[in-house]
Amino acid sequence: INTVAAEVANEVGPARVADVARRLGIANMPE
């Protein structure tokens, strides 16, 4: 469900989501 994922990401902060992805190996994340 897209709306809930967007709501949760906004709740914890998009920067934190990017940090998790970067930490697990996703290279093309914002600095």
PDB file of all heavy atoms in Angstrom:
ATOM      1  N   ILE A   1       0.850  -1.189   0.000  1.00  0.00           N
ATOM      2  CA  ILE A   1       0.000   0.000   0.000  1.00  0.00           C
ATOM      3  C   ILE A   1       0.886   1.239   0.000  1.00  0.00           C
ATOM      4  O   ILE A   1       1.662   1.469   0.935  1.00  0.00           O
ATOM      5  CB  ILE A   1      -0.939  -0.011   1.225  1.00  0.00           C
ATOM      6  CG1 ILE A   1      -1.854  -1.258   1.171  1.00  0.00           C
ATOM      7  CG2 ILE A   1      -1.772   1.259   1.286  1.00  0.00           C
ATOM      8  CD1 ILE A   1      -2.719  -1.442   2.392  1.00  0.00           C
ATOM      9  N   ASN A   2       0.771   2.052  -1.017  1.00  0.00           N
ATOM     10  CA  ASN A   2       1.657   3.199  -1.195  1.00  0.00           C
ATOM     11  C   ASN A   2       1.434   4.293  -0.157  1.00  0.00           C
ATOM     12  O   ASN A   2       2.393   4.898   0.336  1.00  0.00           O
ATOM     13  CB  ASN A   2       1.483   3.788  -2.597  1.00  0.00           C
ATOM     14  CG  ASN A   2       2.041   2.887  -3.681  1.00  0.00           C
ATOM     15  OD1 ASN A   2       2.843   1.993  -3.408  1.00  0.00           O
ATOM     16  ND2 ASN A   2       1.607   3.098  -4.909  1.00  0.00           N
ATOM     17  N   THR A   3       0.173   4.581   0.150  1.00  0.00           N
ATOM     18  CA  THR A   3      -0.109   5.705   1.049  1.00  0.00           C
ATOM     19  C   THR A   3       0.488   5.482   2.427  1.00  0.00           C
ATOM     20  O   THR A   3       1.036   6.405   3.038  1.00  0.00           O
ATOM     21  CB  THR A   3      -1.619   5.919   1.164  1.00  0.00           C
ATOM     22  OG1 THR A   3      -2.240   4.708   1.627  1.00  0.00           O
ATOM     23  CG2 THR A   3      -2.223   6.307  -0.189  1.00  0.00           C
ATOM     24  N   VAL A   4       0.398   4.258   2.929  1.00  0.00           N
ATOM     25  CA  VAL A   4       0.929   3.964   4.253  1.00  0.00           C
ATOM     26  C   VAL A   4       2.454   4.038   4.239  1.00  0.00           C
ATOM     27  O   VAL A   4       3.073   4.570   5.171  1.00  0.00           O
ATOM     28  CB  VAL A   4       0.443   2.591   4.744  1.00  0.00           C
ATOM     29  CG1 VAL A   4       1.082   2.244   6.085  1.00  0.00           C
ATOM     30  CG2 VAL A   4      -1.073   2.572   4.860  1.00  0.00           C
ATOM     31  N   ALA A   5       3.100   3.512   3.180  1.00  0.00           N
ATOM     32  CA  ALA A   5       4.563   3.593   3.082  1.00  0.00           C
ATOM     33  C   ALA A   5       5.023   5.040   3.058  1.00  0.00           C
ATOM     34  O   ALA A   5       6.007   5.415   3.713  1.00  0.00           O
ATOM     35  CB  ALA A   5       5.039   2.860   1.833  1.00  0.00           C
ATOM     36  N   ALA A   6       4.300   5.907   2.314  1.00  0.00           N
ATOM     37  CA  ALA A   6       4.656   7.320   2.267  1.00  0.00           C
ATOM     38  C   ALA A   6       4.470   7.973   3.630  1.00  0.00           C
ATOM     39  O   ALA A   6       5.304   8.788   4.064  1.00  0.00           O
ATOM     40  CB  ALA A   6       3.810   8.027   1.212  1.00  0.00           C
ATOM     41  N   GLU A   7       3.391   7.603   4.314  1.00  0.00           N
ATOM     42  CA  GLU A   7       3.127   8.162   5.639  1.00  0.00           C
ATOM     43  C   GLU A   7       4.206   7.747   6.634  1.00  0.00           C
ATOM     44  O   GLU A   7       4.705   8.566   7.417  1.00  0.00           O
ATOM     45  CB  GLU A   7       1.752   7.702   6.130  1.00  0.00           C
ATOM     46  CG  GLU A   7       1.371   8.224   7.499  1.00  0.00           C
ATOM     47  CD  GLU A   7       0.034   7.677   7.973  1.00  0.00           C
ATOM     48  OE1 GLU A   7      -0.642   6.986   7.182  1.00  0.00           O
ATOM     49  OE2 GLU A   7      -0.321   7.924   9.147  1.00  0.00           O
ATOM     50  N   VAL A   8       4.594   6.480   6.600  1.00  0.00           N
ATOM     51  CA  VAL A   8       5.616   5.977   7.525  1.00  0.00           C
ATOM     52  C   VAL A   8       6.967   6.625   7.226  1.00  0.00           C
ATOM     53  O   VAL A   8       7.699   7.018   8.149  1.00  0.00           O
ATOM     54  CB  VAL A   8       5.705   4.438   7.437  1.00  0.00           C
ATOM     55  CG1 VAL A   8       6.917   3.924   8.204  1.00  0.00           C
ATOM     56  CG2 VAL A   8       4.436   3.796   7.961  1.00  0.00           C
ATOM     57  N   ALA A   9       7.323   6.757   5.956  1.00  0.00           N
ATOM     58  CA  ALA A   9       8.591   7.388   5.591  1.00  0.00           C
ATOM     59  C   ALA A   9       8.631   8.834   6.051  1.00  0.00           C
ATOM     60  O   ALA A   9       9.661   9.324   6.530  1.00  0.00           O
ATOM     61  CB  ALA A   9       8.805   7.307   4.086  1.00  0.00           C
ATOM     62  N   ASN A  10       7.525   9.515   5.898  1.00  0.00           N
ATOM     63  CA  ASN A  10       7.452  10.900   6.358  1.00  0.00           C
ATOM     64  C   ASN A  10       7.552  10.980   7.875  1.00  0.00           C
ATOM     65  O   ASN A  10       8.132  11.922   8.424  1.00  0.00           O
ATOM     66  CB  ASN A  10       6.149  11.525   5.872  1.00  0.00           C
ATOM     67  CG  ASN A  10       6.086  13.006   6.148  1.00  0.00           C
ATOM     68  OD1 ASN A  10       6.940  13.771   5.707  1.00  0.00           O
ATOM     69  ND2 ASN A  10       5.064  13.437   6.896  1.00  0.00           N
ATOM     70  N   GLU A  11       7.013   9.964   8.544  1.00  0.00           N
ATOM     71  CA  GLU A  11       7.030   9.943  10.005  1.00  0.00           C
ATOM     72  C   GLU A  11       8.450   9.753  10.546  1.00  0.00           C
ATOM     73  O   GLU A  11       8.852  10.423  11.505  1.00  0.00           O
ATOM     74  CB  GLU A  11       6.108   8.826  10.497  1.00  0.00           C
ATOM     75  CG  GLU A  11       5.952   8.745  12.004  1.00  0.00           C
ATOM     76  CD  GLU A  11       4.948   7.670  12.406  1.00  0.00           C
ATOM     77  OE1 GLU A  11       4.118   7.263  11.561  1.00  0.00           O
ATOM     78  OE2 GLU A  11       4.988   7.230  13.573  1.00  0.00           O
ATOM     79  N   VAL A  12       9.228   8.828   9.962  1.00  0.00           N
ATOM     80  CA  VAL A  12      10.585   8.574  10.466  1.00  0.00           C
ATOM     81  C   VAL A  12      11.618   9.483   9.805  1.00  0.00           C
ATOM     82  O   VAL A  12      12.741   9.603  10.305  1.00  0.00           O
ATOM     83  CB  VAL A  12      10.983   7.092  10.248  1.00  0.00           C
ATOM     84  CG1 VAL A  12      10.005   6.161  10.943  1.00  0.00           C
ATOM     85  CG2 VAL A  12      11.084   6.751   8.761  1.00  0.00           C
ATOM     86  N   GLY A  13      11.239  10.085   8.675  1.00  0.00           N
ATOM     87  CA  GLY A  13      12.136  10.987   7.969  1.00  0.00           C
ATOM     88  C   GLY A  13      12.771  10.344   6.749  1.00  0.00           C
ATOM     89  O   GLY A  13      13.414   9.289   6.874  1.00  0.00           O
ATOM     90  N   PRO A  14      12.611  10.924   5.558  1.00  0.00           N
ATOM     91  CA  PRO A  14      13.212  10.360   4.337  1.00  0.00           C
ATOM     92  C   PRO A  14      14.722  10.192   4.438  1.00  0.00           C
ATOM     93  O   PRO A  14      15.285   9.253   3.862  1.00  0.00           O
ATOM     94  CB  PRO A  14      12.831  11.384   3.260  1.00  0.00           C
ATOM     95  CG  PRO A  14      11.612  12.063   3.781  1.00  0.00           C
ATOM     96  CD  PRO A  14      11.786  12.116   5.261  1.00  0.00           C
ATOM     97  N   ALA A  15      15.383  11.091   5.177  1.00  0.00           N
ATOM     98  CA  ALA A  15      16.839  10.977   5.304  1.00  0.00           C
ATOM     99  C   ALA A  15      17.223   9.688   6.020  1.00  0.00           C
ATOM    100  O   ALA A  15      18.246   9.063   5.691  1.00  0.00           O
ATOM    101  CB  ALA A  15      17.392  12.187   6.050  1.00  0.00           C
ATOM    102  N   ARG A  16      16.418   9.286   6.999  1.00  0.00           N
ATOM    103  CA  ARG A  16      16.712   8.047   7.720  1.00  0.00           C
ATOM    104  C   ARG A  16      16.500   6.835   6.813  1.00  0.00           C
ATOM    105  O   ARG A  16      17.251   5.859   6.878  1.00  0.00           O
ATOM    106  CB  ARG A  16      15.828   7.935   8.957  1.00  0.00           C
ATOM    107  CG  ARG A  16      16.140   6.727   9.796  1.00  0.00           C
ATOM    108  CD  ARG A  16      15.658   6.868  11.210  1.00  0.00           C
ATOM    109  NE  ARG A  16      16.209   5.836  12.062  1.00  0.00           N
ATOM    110  CZ  ARG A  16      16.183   5.883  13.393  1.00  0.00           C
ATOM    111  NH1 ARG A  16      15.652   6.921  14.014  1.00  0.00           N
ATOM    112  NH2 ARG A  16      16.705   4.898  14.108  1.00  0.00           N
ATOM    113  N   VAL A  17      15.497   6.911   5.961  1.00  0.00           N
ATOM    114  CA  VAL A  17      15.270   5.832   4.993  1.00  0.00           C
ATOM    115  C   VAL A  17      16.474   5.710   4.057  1.00  0.00           C
ATOM    116  O   VAL A  17      16.967   4.609   3.787  1.00  0.00           O
ATOM    117  CB  VAL A  17      13.984   6.093   4.191  1.00  0.00           C
ATOM    118  CG1 VAL A  17      13.825   5.043   3.084  1.00  0.00           C
ATOM    119  CG2 VAL A  17      12.763   6.090   5.103  1.00  0.00           C
ATOM    120  N   ALA A  18      16.953   6.848   3.560  1.00  0.00           N
ATOM    121  CA  ALA A  18      18.123   6.837   2.666  1.00  0.00           C
ATOM    122  C   ALA A  18      19.341   6.281   3.381  1.00  0.00           C
ATOM    123  O   ALA A  18      20.152   5.558   2.782  1.00  0.00           O
ATOM    124  CB  ALA A  18      18.401   8.246   2.147  1.00  0.00           C
ATOM    125  N   ASP A  19      19.487   6.598   4.669  1.00  0.00           N
ATOM    126  CA  ASP A  19      20.629   6.107   5.437  1.00  0.00           C
ATOM    127  C   ASP A  19      20.597   4.587   5.561  1.00  0.00           C
ATOM    128  O   ASP A  19      21.626   3.917   5.426  1.00  0.00           O
ATOM    129  CB  ASP A  19      20.641   6.749   6.822  1.00  0.00           C
ATOM    130  CG  ASP A  19      21.772   6.219   7.683  1.00  0.00           C
ATOM    131  OD1 ASP A  19      22.940   6.517   7.379  1.00  0.00           O
ATOM    132  OD2 ASP A  19      21.485   5.475   8.655  1.00  0.00           O
ATOM    133  N   VAL A  20      19.417   4.025   5.813  1.00  0.00           N
ATOM    134  CA  VAL A  20      19.295   2.568   5.907  1.00  0.00           C
ATOM    135  C   VAL A  20      19.667   1.921   4.573  1.00  0.00           C
ATOM    136  O   VAL A  20      20.428   0.946   4.524  1.00  0.00           O
ATOM    137  CB  VAL A  20      17.861   2.171   6.321  1.00  0.00           C
ATOM    138  CG1 VAL A  20      17.652   0.664   6.152  1.00  0.00           C
ATOM    139  CG2 VAL A  20      17.585   2.581   7.752  1.00  0.00           C
ATOM    140  N   ALA A  21      19.143   2.462   3.480  1.00  0.00           N
ATOM    141  CA  ALA A  21      19.441   1.898   2.157  1.00  0.00           C
ATOM    142  C   ALA A  21      20.931   1.967   1.862  1.00  0.00           C
ATOM    143  O   ALA A  21      21.521   0.998   1.369  1.00  0.00           O
ATOM    144  CB  ALA A  21      18.645   2.649   1.093  1.00  0.00           C
ATOM    145  N   ARG A  22      21.552   3.102   2.182  1.00  0.00           N
ATOM    146  CA  ARG A  22      22.984   3.263   1.941  1.00  0.00           C
ATOM    147  C   ARG A  22      23.788   2.273   2.773  1.00  0.00           C
ATOM    148  O   ARG A  22      24.750   1.675   2.294  1.00  0.00           O
ATOM    149  CB  ARG A  22      23.395   4.700   2.280  1.00  0.00           C
ATOM    150  CG  ARG A  22      24.811   5.063   1.867  1.00  0.00           C
ATOM    151  CD  ARG A  22      25.200   6.454   2.357  1.00  0.00           C
ATOM    152  NE  ARG A  22      24.257   7.478   1.956  1.00  0.00           N
ATOM    153  CZ  ARG A  22      23.425   8.095   2.799  1.00  0.00           C
ATOM    154  NH1 ARG A  22      23.427   7.784   4.096  1.00  0.00           N
ATOM    155  NH2 ARG A  22      22.599   9.014   2.368  1.00  0.00           N
ATOM    156  N   ARG A  23      23.382   2.102   4.022  1.00  0.00           N
ATOM    157  CA  ARG A  23      24.098   1.204   4.927  1.00  0.00           C
ATOM    158  C   ARG A  23      24.030  -0.240   4.450  1.00  0.00           C
ATOM    159  O   ARG A  23      24.970  -1.015   4.613  1.00  0.00           O
ATOM    160  CB  ARG A  23      23.472   1.318   6.320  1.00  0.00           C
ATOM    161  CG  ARG A  23      24.348   0.788   7.438  1.00  0.00           C
ATOM    162  CD  ARG A  23      23.623   0.734   8.771  1.00  0.00           C
ATOM    163  NE  ARG A  23      22.571   1.715   8.924  1.00  0.00           N
ATOM    164  CZ  ARG A  23      21.426   1.457   9.564  1.00  0.00           C
ATOM    165  NH1 ARG A  23      21.220   0.272  10.091  1.00  0.00           N
ATOM    166  NH2 ARG A  23      20.512   2.396   9.680  1.00  0.00           N
ATOM    167  N   LEU A  24      22.920  -0.611   3.831  1.00  0.00           N
ATOM    168  CA  LEU A  24      22.741  -1.999   3.380  1.00  0.00           C
ATOM    169  C   LEU A  24      23.322  -2.254   1.995  1.00  0.00           C
ATOM    170  O   LEU A  24      23.337  -3.400   1.544  1.00  0.00           O
ATOM    171  CB  LEU A  24      21.259  -2.376   3.407  1.00  0.00           C
ATOM    172  CG  LEU A  24      20.760  -3.004   4.719  1.00  0.00           C
ATOM    173  CD1 LEU A  24      20.935  -2.054   5.883  1.00  0.00           C
ATOM    174  CD2 LEU A  24      19.297  -3.411   4.592  1.00  0.00           C
ATOM    175  N   GLY A  25      23.798  -1.201   1.308  1.00  0.00           N
ATOM    176  CA  GLY A  25      24.495  -1.440   0.044  1.00  0.00           C
ATOM    177  C   GLY A  25      23.944  -0.732  -1.168  1.00  0.00           C
ATOM    178  O   GLY A  25      24.430  -0.969  -2.283  1.00  0.00           O
ATOM    179  N   ILE A  26      22.945   0.142  -1.023  1.00  0.00           N
ATOM    180  CA  ILE A  26      22.416   0.886  -2.163  1.00  0.00           C
ATOM    181  C   ILE A  26      23.309   2.112  -2.369  1.00  0.00           C
ATOM    182  O   ILE A  26      23.319   3.034  -1.550  1.00  0.00           O
ATOM    183  CB  ILE A  26      20.956   1.316  -1.931  1.00  0.00           C
ATOM    184  CG1 ILE A  26      20.100   0.095  -1.566  1.00  0.00           C
ATOM    185  CG2 ILE A  26      20.407   2.000  -3.174  1.00  0.00           C
ATOM    186  CD1 ILE A  26      20.061  -0.985  -2.618  1.00  0.00           C
ATOM    187  N   ALA A  27      24.036   2.115  -3.472  1.00  0.00           N
ATOM    188  CA  ALA A  27      25.084   3.123  -3.664  1.00  0.00           C
ATOM    189  C   ALA A  27      24.541   4.477  -4.093  1.00  0.00           C
ATOM    190  O   ALA A  27      25.081   5.516  -3.708  1.00  0.00           O
ATOM    191  CB  ALA A  27      26.091   2.616  -4.698  1.00  0.00           C
ATOM    192  N   ASN A  28      23.493   4.503  -4.876  1.00  0.00           N
ATOM    193  CA  ASN A  28      23.061   5.751  -5.505  1.00  0.00           C
ATOM    194  C   ASN A  28      22.074   6.525  -4.627  1.00  0.00           C
ATOM    195  O   ASN A  28      21.009   6.934  -5.076  1.00  0.00           O
ATOM    196  CB  ASN A  28      22.422   5.446  -6.866  1.00  0.00           C
ATOM    197  CG  ASN A  28      22.292   6.684  -7.723  1.00  0.00           C
ATOM    198  OD1 ASN A  28      23.134   7.557  -7.664  1.00  0.00           O
ATOM    199  ND2 ASN A  28      21.237   6.756  -8.513  1.00  0.00           N
ATOM    200  N   MET A  29      22.439   6.736  -3.377  1.00  0.00           N
ATOM    201  CA  MET A  29      21.579   7.468  -2.447  1.00  0.00           C
ATOM    202  C   MET A  29      22.074   8.900  -2.293  1.00  0.00           C
ATOM    203  O   MET A  29      23.264   9.168  -2.486  1.00  0.00           O
ATOM    204  CB  MET A  29      21.574   6.780  -1.084  1.00  0.00           C
ATOM    205  CG  MET A  29      20.781   5.481  -1.027  1.00  0.00           C
ATOM    206  SD  MET A  29      18.999   5.741  -1.176  1.00  0.00           S
ATOM    207  CE  MET A  29      18.707   5.262  -2.886  1.00  0.00           C
ATOM    208  N   PRO A  30      21.181   9.849  -1.936  1.00  0.00           N
ATOM    209  CA  PRO A  30      21.640  11.223  -1.673  1.00  0.00           C
ATOM    210  C   PRO A  30      22.681  11.241  -0.565  1.00  0.00           C
ATOM    211  O   PRO A  30      22.671  10.407   0.343  1.00  0.00           O
ATOM    212  CB  PRO A  30      20.348  11.939  -1.253  1.00  0.00           C
ATOM    213  CG  PRO A  30      19.238  11.126  -1.823  1.00  0.00           C
ATOM    214  CD  PRO A  30      19.714   9.712  -1.796  1.00  0.00           C
ATOM    215  N   GLU A  31      23.588  12.196  -0.668  1.00  0.00           N
ATOM    216  CA  GLU A  31      24.612  12.341   0.361  1.00  0.00           C
ATOM    217  C   GLU A  31      23.968  12.690   1.700  1.00  0.00           C
ATOM    218  O   GLU A  31      22.861  13.232   1.763  1.00  0.00           O
ATOM    219  CB  GLU A  31      25.603  13.446  -0.037  1.00  0.00           C
ATOM    220  CG  GLU A  31      26.394  13.146  -1.302  1.00  0.00           C
ATOM    221  CD  GLU A  31      27.364  11.987  -1.114  1.00  0.00           C
ATOM    222  OE1 GLU A  31      27.813  11.775   0.038  1.00  0.00           O
ATOM    223  OE2 GLU A  31      27.671  11.308  -2.102  1.00  0.00           O
TER     224      GLU A  31
END
